[in-house]
C-alpha atoms as a PDB file:
ATOM      1  CA  MET A   1     -11.089  -5.989   1.829  1.00  0.00           C
ATOM      2  CA  ILE A   2     -13.196  -7.629   4.600  1.00  0.00           C
ATOM      3  CA  ARG A   3     -10.148  -9.629   5.724  1.00  0.00           C
ATOM      4  CA  PHE A   4      -8.375  -6.208   6.663  1.00  0.00           C
ATOM      5  CA  LEU A   5     -11.059  -4.863   8.808  1.00  0.00           C
ATOM      6  CA  PHE A   6      -9.056  -5.719  11.946  1.00  0.00           C
ATOM      7  CA  LEU A   7      -6.348  -3.160  10.744  1.00  0.00           C
ATOM      8  CA  ILE A   8      -8.775  -0.306  11.271  1.00  0.00           C
ATOM      9  CA  PRO A   9      -8.678  -0.301  15.116  1.00  0.00           C
ATOM     10  CA  LEU A  10      -5.028  -1.232  15.209  1.00  0.00           C
ATOM     11  CA  VAL A  11      -3.988   1.637  13.034  1.00  0.00           C
ATOM     12  CA  LEU A  12      -6.288   4.139  14.914  1.00  0.00           C
ATOM     13  CA  CYS A  13      -4.995   3.011  18.260  1.00  0.00           C
ATOM     14  CA  MET A  14      -1.447   3.293  17.077  1.00  0.00           C
ATOM     15  CA  LEU A  15      -2.062   6.842  15.817  1.00  0.00           C
ATOM     16  CA  TRP A  16      -3.946   7.754  19.001  1.00  0.00           C
ATOM     17  CA  THR A  17      -0.934   6.429  21.107  1.00  0.00           C
ATOM     18  CA  ILE A  18       1.555   8.454  18.990  1.00  0.00           C
ATOM     19  CA  TYR A  19      -0.673  11.613  19.473  1.00  0.00           C
ATOM     20  CA  LEU A  20      -0.785  11.127  23.219  1.00  0.00           C
ATOM     21  CA  GLN A  21       2.979  10.573  23.575  1.00  0.00           C
ATOM     22  CA  ALA A  22       3.823  13.572  21.147  1.00  0.00           C
ATOM     23  CA  ASN A  23       1.685  15.819  23.375  1.00  0.00           C
ATOM     24  CA  GLY A  24       3.043  14.717  26.724  1.00  0.00           C
ATOM     25  CA  TYR A  25      -0.076  12.693  27.904  1.00  0.00           C
ATOM     26  CA  ARG A  26      -0.148   9.340  29.580  1.00  0.00           C
ATOM     27  CA  ILE A  27      -1.825   6.391  28.053  1.00  0.00           C
ATOM     28  CA  ARG A  28      -4.165   6.433  31.032  1.00  0.00           C
ATOM     29  CA  ASP A  29      -5.275   9.928  30.000  1.00  0.00           C
ATOM     30  CA  GLY A  30      -6.366   8.744  26.621  1.00  0.00           C
ATOM     31  CA  LYS A  31      -8.465   5.775  27.525  1.00  0.00           C
ATOM     32  CA  GLN A  32     -11.652   7.516  26.594  1.00  0.00           C
ATOM     33  CA  GLY A  33     -10.363   7.889  23.071  1.00  0.00           C
ATOM     34  CA  TYR A  34      -9.371   4.150  22.849  1.00  0.00           C
ATOM     35  CA  LEU A  35     -12.931   3.405  23.935  1.00  0.00           C
ATOM     36  CA  TYR A  36     -14.265   5.607  21.061  1.00  0.00           C
ATOM     37  CA  ILE A  37     -11.923   3.876  18.530  1.00  0.00           C
ATOM     38  CA  ILE A  38     -13.199   0.496  19.606  1.00  0.00           C
ATOM     39  CA  ILE A  39     -16.958   1.427  19.386  1.00  0.00           C
ATOM     40  CA  ILE A  40     -16.488   3.237  16.004  1.00  0.00           C
ATOM     41  CA  SER A  41     -14.541   0.221  14.651  1.00  0.00           C
ATOM     42  CA  THR A  42     -17.144  -2.152  15.890  1.00  0.00           C
ATOM     43  CA  VAL A  43     -19.833  -0.208  14.103  1.00  0.00           C
ATOM     44  CA  ILE A  44     -17.876  -0.113  10.869  1.00  0.00           C
ATOM     45  CA  ALA A  45     -17.254  -3.870  10.983  1.00  0.00           C
ATOM     46  CA  ALA A  46     -20.961  -4.571  11.870  1.00  0.00           C
ATOM     47  CA  PHE A  47     -21.994  -2.346   8.814  1.00  0.00           C
ATOM     48  CA  TYR A  48     -19.667  -4.189   6.367  1.00  0.00           C
ATOM     49  CA  THR A  49     -20.677  -7.590   7.832  1.00  0.00           C
ATOM     50  CA  LEU A  50     -24.331  -6.676   7.305  1.00  0.00           C
ATOM     51  CA  MET A  51     -23.783  -5.385   3.727  1.00  0.00           C
ATOM     52  CA  LEU A  52     -21.894  -8.609   2.921  1.00  0.00           C
ATOM     53  CA  TRP A  53     -24.661 -10.722   4.309  1.00  0.00           C
ATOM     54  CA  LEU A  54     -27.426  -8.768   2.487  1.00  0.00           C
ATOM     55  CA  THR A  55     -25.678  -8.801  -1.010  1.00  0.00           C
ATOM     56  CA  ASN A  56     -24.859 -12.576  -1.032  1.00  0.00           C
END
């Protein structure tokens, strides 16, 4: 499961892009959302890394 962590931000960014395009927004208008996605994905990856390190 750890090896698929890179999919979280990719899928979320893809969904965010689809949402923006469906509602007539430009990609530039949604850059704050991309920033949130990156931050949240980093926190999730750090949490899983810490748990993996603590349990081994």
